[in-house]
């Protein structure tokens, strides 16, 4: 049975100093799927990720979510949409401030939503089990955690606001292969439990084959094809 479209990427183009990063890219994203975005370095896949997260404006095109072009919304509307479209940061070693506790990092996105102090902590502690962390980690510092544990913290930060879509840009590339498998399995479990849709950007074709339902190939800024996982051989 065909799933509902949750996001429509329509004719997205972007150039930097006369270098084309993306040219008329069109992709539909379906609810509950993991869409892989692959291609060579500098091919435009990370540029597309930044546009989806509203961190970068395209030169032309639309990103349609819930029937509206999110690129044309007011600043307030875009802020509200950021609750629904979240990201997992790439490097677990560089993304956490070593001087701040894990609890501080996790409370940060909830502060933006004006959660009270006791509400922030209660929500975080109740959700730590979802990523395989005990409540003790709330008061730990990043240097007390392994790379895999840090990545679990970043994943938890991305789901705290109950998003619908999560963009993952090379989110396991900094981890050892054995830890990569653990994190990928965690992402699969979370997707089932929370009904998440993933946009998974990666250069690692074996990882893409493992976790993605469909794969979109972007080369030199152009979408060359979108195929189902069972058609993909890496």
Protein backbone atom coordinates (compact mmCIF):
# COMPACT_ATOMS: atom_id res chain seq x y z
CA UNK A 1 0.00 0.00 0.00
CA UNK A 2 1.38 3.41 -1.06
CA UNK A 3 2.30 5.70 1.82
CA UNK A 4 1.32 9.36 1.98
CA UNK A 5 3.71 12.03 0.82
CA UNK A 6 5.09 13.95 3.78
CA UNK A 7 7.49 16.24 1.89
CA UNK A 8 7.81 17.39 -1.71
CA UNK A 9 11.10 18.77 -2.99
CA UNK A 10 10.25 20.71 -6.14
CA UNK A 11 12.69 22.17 -8.68
CA UNK A 12 15.29 23.11 -6.07
CA UNK A 13 18.29 24.95 -7.51
CA UNK A 14 21.28 26.54 -5.77
CA UNK A 15 24.54 28.04 -7.04
CA UNK A 16 27.58 29.41 -5.21
CA UNK A 17 29.77 31.94 -7.04
CA UNK A 18 28.72 30.62 -10.44
CA UNK A 19 29.19 26.99 -9.37
CA UNK A 20 25.98 25.00 -9.55
CA UNK A 21 25.34 23.02 -6.35
CA UNK A 22 21.81 21.87 -7.21
CA UNK A 23 19.82 22.12 -10.42
CA UNK A 24 16.07 21.46 -10.60
CA UNK A 25 16.04 18.65 -8.03
CA UNK A 26 12.65 16.95 -7.56
CA UNK A 27 12.08 14.25 -4.92
CA UNK A 28 8.98 13.10 -3.05
CA UNK A 29 9.45 11.82 0.50
CA UNK A 30 6.90 9.41 1.98
CA UNK A 31 5.73 9.13 5.57
CA UNK A 32 7.62 6.54 7.63
CA UNK A 33 10.31 5.81 5.04
CA UNK A 34 14.07 6.27 5.08
CA UNK A 35 15.16 8.06 1.93
CA UNK A 36 18.87 7.86 1.22
CA UNK A 37 20.64 10.73 -0.54
CA UNK A 38 23.96 9.62 -2.02
CA UNK A 39 26.55 10.96 -4.40
CA UNK A 40 30.17 12.06 -4.67
CA UNK A 41 31.70 14.68 -2.39
CA UNK A 42 30.70 18.14 -3.55
CA UNK A 43 27.79 16.74 -5.53
CA UNK A 44 25.14 18.76 -3.69
CA UNK A 45 23.65 16.30 -1.21
CA UNK A 46 24.63 18.26 1.93
CA UNK A 47 23.46 21.49 0.30
CA UNK A 48 20.04 19.88 -0.14
CA UNK A 49 20.07 18.82 3.52
CA UNK A 50 20.73 22.39 4.65
CA UNK A 51 17.89 23.68 2.49
CA UNK A 52 15.50 21.11 3.98
CA UNK A 53 16.50 22.31 7.45
CA UNK A 54 15.97 25.94 6.41
CA UNK A 55 19.62 26.69 7.13
CA UNK A 56 20.19 27.73 3.52
CA UNK A 57 17.93 29.42 0.98
CA UNK A 58 17.74 27.99 -2.53
CA UNK A 59 17.85 30.22 -5.58
CA UNK A 60 14.56 28.72 -6.75
CA UNK A 61 12.13 25.91 -6.01
CA UNK A 62 9.78 24.79 -3.26
CA UNK A 63 9.84 22.53 -0.21
CA UNK A 64 6.21 21.56 0.39
CA UNK A 65 5.25 20.25 3.84
CA UNK A 66 1.63 19.90 4.95
CA UNK A 67 0.55 21.56 1.73
CA UNK A 68 2.66 24.70 2.24
CA UNK A 69 5.98 25.87 0.84
CA UNK A 70 8.05 26.12 4.01
CA UNK A 71 10.57 28.39 2.29
CA UNK A 72 7.94 31.13 1.94
CA UNK A 73 6.71 31.07 5.52
CA UNK A 74 7.30 33.85 8.02
CA UNK A 75 10.16 33.57 10.49
CA UNK A 76 7.65 32.53 13.14
CA UNK A 77 6.15 29.87 10.88
CA UNK A 78 9.60 28.54 10.03
CA UNK A 79 10.49 28.39 13.72
CA UNK A 80 7.36 26.32 14.35
CA UNK A 81 8.23 24.02 11.45
CA UNK A 82 11.67 23.36 12.92
CA UNK A 83 9.92 21.33 15.60
CA UNK A 84 8.72 18.97 12.88
CA UNK A 85 11.95 18.83 10.85
CA UNK A 86 14.99 18.12 12.99
CA UNK A 87 18.58 17.00 12.38
CA UNK A 88 21.17 14.71 13.91
CA UNK A 89 24.53 16.44 13.99
CA UNK A 90 27.37 14.77 12.12
CA UNK A 91 30.28 14.54 14.55
CA UNK A 92 29.60 13.36 18.12
CA UNK A 93 33.08 14.47 19.18
CA UNK A 94 32.80 18.07 17.99
CA UNK A 95 29.09 18.70 18.51
CA UNK A 96 29.06 18.69 22.32
CA UNK A 97 30.63 21.41 24.49
CA UNK A 98 33.07 19.62 26.83
CA UNK A 99 32.38 22.16 29.59
CA UNK A 100 28.64 21.50 29.69
CA UNK A 101 26.77 18.48 31.04
CA UNK A 102 24.70 16.18 28.86
CA UNK A 103 21.60 17.50 30.62
CA UNK A 104 22.51 21.07 29.65
CA UNK A 105 22.85 20.09 25.98
CA UNK A 106 19.51 18.30 25.98
CA UNK A 107 17.68 21.10 27.74
CA UNK A 108 18.80 23.67 25.16
CA UNK A 109 16.16 22.93 22.47
CA UNK A 110 13.43 22.81 25.14
CA UNK A 111 14.43 26.23 26.45
CA UNK A 112 13.57 27.64 23.03
CA UNK A 113 10.05 26.23 23.46
CA UNK A 114 9.75 27.86 26.91
CA UNK A 115 9.58 24.62 28.87
CA UNK A 116 9.98 25.26 32.60
CA UNK A 117 13.12 23.89 34.25
CA UNK A 118 11.40 20.97 35.99
CA UNK A 119 9.44 20.14 32.81
CA UNK A 120 12.63 20.05 30.73
CA UNK A 121 14.38 17.64 33.05
CA UNK A 122 11.33 15.42 33.44
CA UNK A 123 10.85 15.13 29.67
CA UNK A 124 14.52 14.34 29.05
CA UNK A 125 14.75 11.72 31.78
CA UNK A 126 11.59 10.03 30.55
CA UNK A 127 13.00 9.77 27.00
CA UNK A 128 16.58 8.69 27.76
CA UNK A 129 15.53 5.04 27.79
CA UNK A 130 14.50 5.37 24.14
CA UNK A 131 18.13 5.81 23.09
CA UNK A 132 19.58 3.30 25.53
CA UNK A 133 20.95 5.73 28.10
CA UNK A 134 20.32 5.57 31.83
CA UNK A 135 19.25 8.64 33.78
CA UNK A 136 22.77 8.85 35.26
CA UNK A 137 24.00 10.32 31.98
CA UNK A 138 22.07 13.54 32.61
CA UNK A 139 24.83 14.85 34.88
CA UNK A 140 27.81 13.44 32.99
CA UNK A 141 30.17 15.42 30.74
CA UNK A 142 30.93 14.52 27.11
CA UNK A 143 34.46 13.29 27.89
CA UNK A 144 32.91 10.62 30.11
CA UNK A 145 31.05 9.14 27.14
CA UNK A 146 32.15 6.98 24.23
CA UNK A 147 31.53 8.06 20.63
CA UNK A 148 28.47 5.84 20.41
CA UNK A 149 27.03 7.22 23.64
CA UNK A 150 27.58 10.78 22.44
CA UNK A 151 25.76 9.97 19.22
CA UNK A 152 22.85 8.62 21.27
CA UNK A 153 22.73 12.00 23.03
CA UNK A 154 22.57 13.79 19.67
CA UNK A 155 19.80 11.47 18.50
CA UNK A 156 17.87 12.13 21.71
CA UNK A 157 18.25 15.88 21.16
CA UNK A 158 16.70 15.46 17.70
CA UNK A 159 13.58 13.63 18.96
CA UNK A 160 12.81 15.72 22.05
CA UNK A 161 10.44 18.02 20.15
CA UNK A 162 8.48 15.09 18.68
CA UNK A 163 9.48 15.73 15.05
CA UNK A 164 7.98 14.10 11.98
CA UNK A 165 11.13 14.23 9.82
CA UNK A 166 14.79 13.88 10.78
CA UNK A 167 17.66 14.76 8.45
CA UNK A 168 20.81 12.73 9.12
CA UNK A 169 23.91 13.99 7.29
CA UNK A 170 26.81 11.51 7.59
CA UNK A 171 25.57 10.84 11.11
CA UNK A 172 27.51 7.60 11.66
CA UNK A 173 30.61 8.29 9.57
CA UNK A 174 32.75 9.28 12.59
CA UNK A 175 32.03 6.01 14.43
CA UNK A 176 33.72 2.61 14.37
CA UNK A 177 31.98 0.03 12.20
CA UNK A 178 30.70 -2.02 15.16
CA UNK A 179 29.26 1.11 16.79
CA UNK A 180 27.76 2.20 13.46
CA UNK A 181 25.66 -0.96 13.42
CA UNK A 182 24.37 -0.29 16.94
CA UNK A 183 23.37 3.28 16.06
CA UNK A 184 21.71 2.24 12.80
CA UNK A 185 19.66 -0.38 14.65
CA UNK A 186 18.70 2.24 17.23
CA UNK A 187 17.51 4.55 14.44
CA UNK A 188 15.42 1.74 12.95
CA UNK A 189 13.83 1.00 16.35
CA UNK A 190 13.06 4.69 16.96
CA UNK A 191 11.52 5.04 13.53
CA UNK A 192 9.09 2.23 14.27
CA UNK A 193 8.24 3.44 17.76
CA UNK A 194 7.86 7.14 16.93
CA UNK A 195 6.67 6.92 13.30
CA UNK A 196 9.61 8.97 12.04
CA UNK A 197 10.61 9.75 8.48
CA UNK A 198 14.36 9.88 7.81
CA UNK A 199 16.33 11.64 5.10
CA UNK A 200 19.69 9.90 5.32
CA UNK A 201 22.61 11.61 3.58
CA UNK A 202 25.74 9.51 3.24
CA UNK A 203 28.69 8.57 1.01
CA UNK A 204 28.83 5.07 2.55
CA UNK A 205 26.84 2.86 0.21
CA UNK A 206 26.83 -0.16 2.54
CA UNK A 207 25.24 1.94 5.30
CA UNK A 208 22.67 3.30 2.85
CA UNK A 209 21.85 -0.21 1.67
CA UNK A 210 21.33 -1.32 5.28
CA UNK A 211 18.94 1.38 6.46
CA UNK A 212 17.25 3.04 3.47
CA UNK A 213 14.00 2.11 1.74
CA UNK A 214 14.75 4.20 -1.35
CA UNK A 215 17.94 5.85 -2.61
CA UNK A 216 18.24 9.12 -4.52
CA UNK A 217 21.47 9.73 -6.46
CA UNK A 218 22.69 13.32 -6.79
CA UNK A 219 25.72 13.97 -8.98
CA UNK A 220 27.04 17.39 -9.97
CA UNK A 221 23.93 18.94 -8.52
CA UNK A 222 21.53 16.88 -10.59
CA UNK A 223 19.21 14.10 -9.47
CA UNK A 224 20.08 11.17 -11.71
CA UNK A 225 17.68 8.54 -10.33
CA UNK A 226 15.64 7.34 -7.36
CA UNK A 227 15.46 3.57 -6.83
CA UNK A 228 14.06 1.11 -4.30
CA UNK A 229 16.50 -0.61 -1.96
CA UNK A 230 15.96 -4.00 -3.60
CA UNK A 231 17.19 -2.55 -6.91
CA UNK A 232 20.41 -1.23 -5.38
CA UNK A 233 23.69 -3.13 -5.44
CA UNK A 234 26.66 -1.54 -3.71
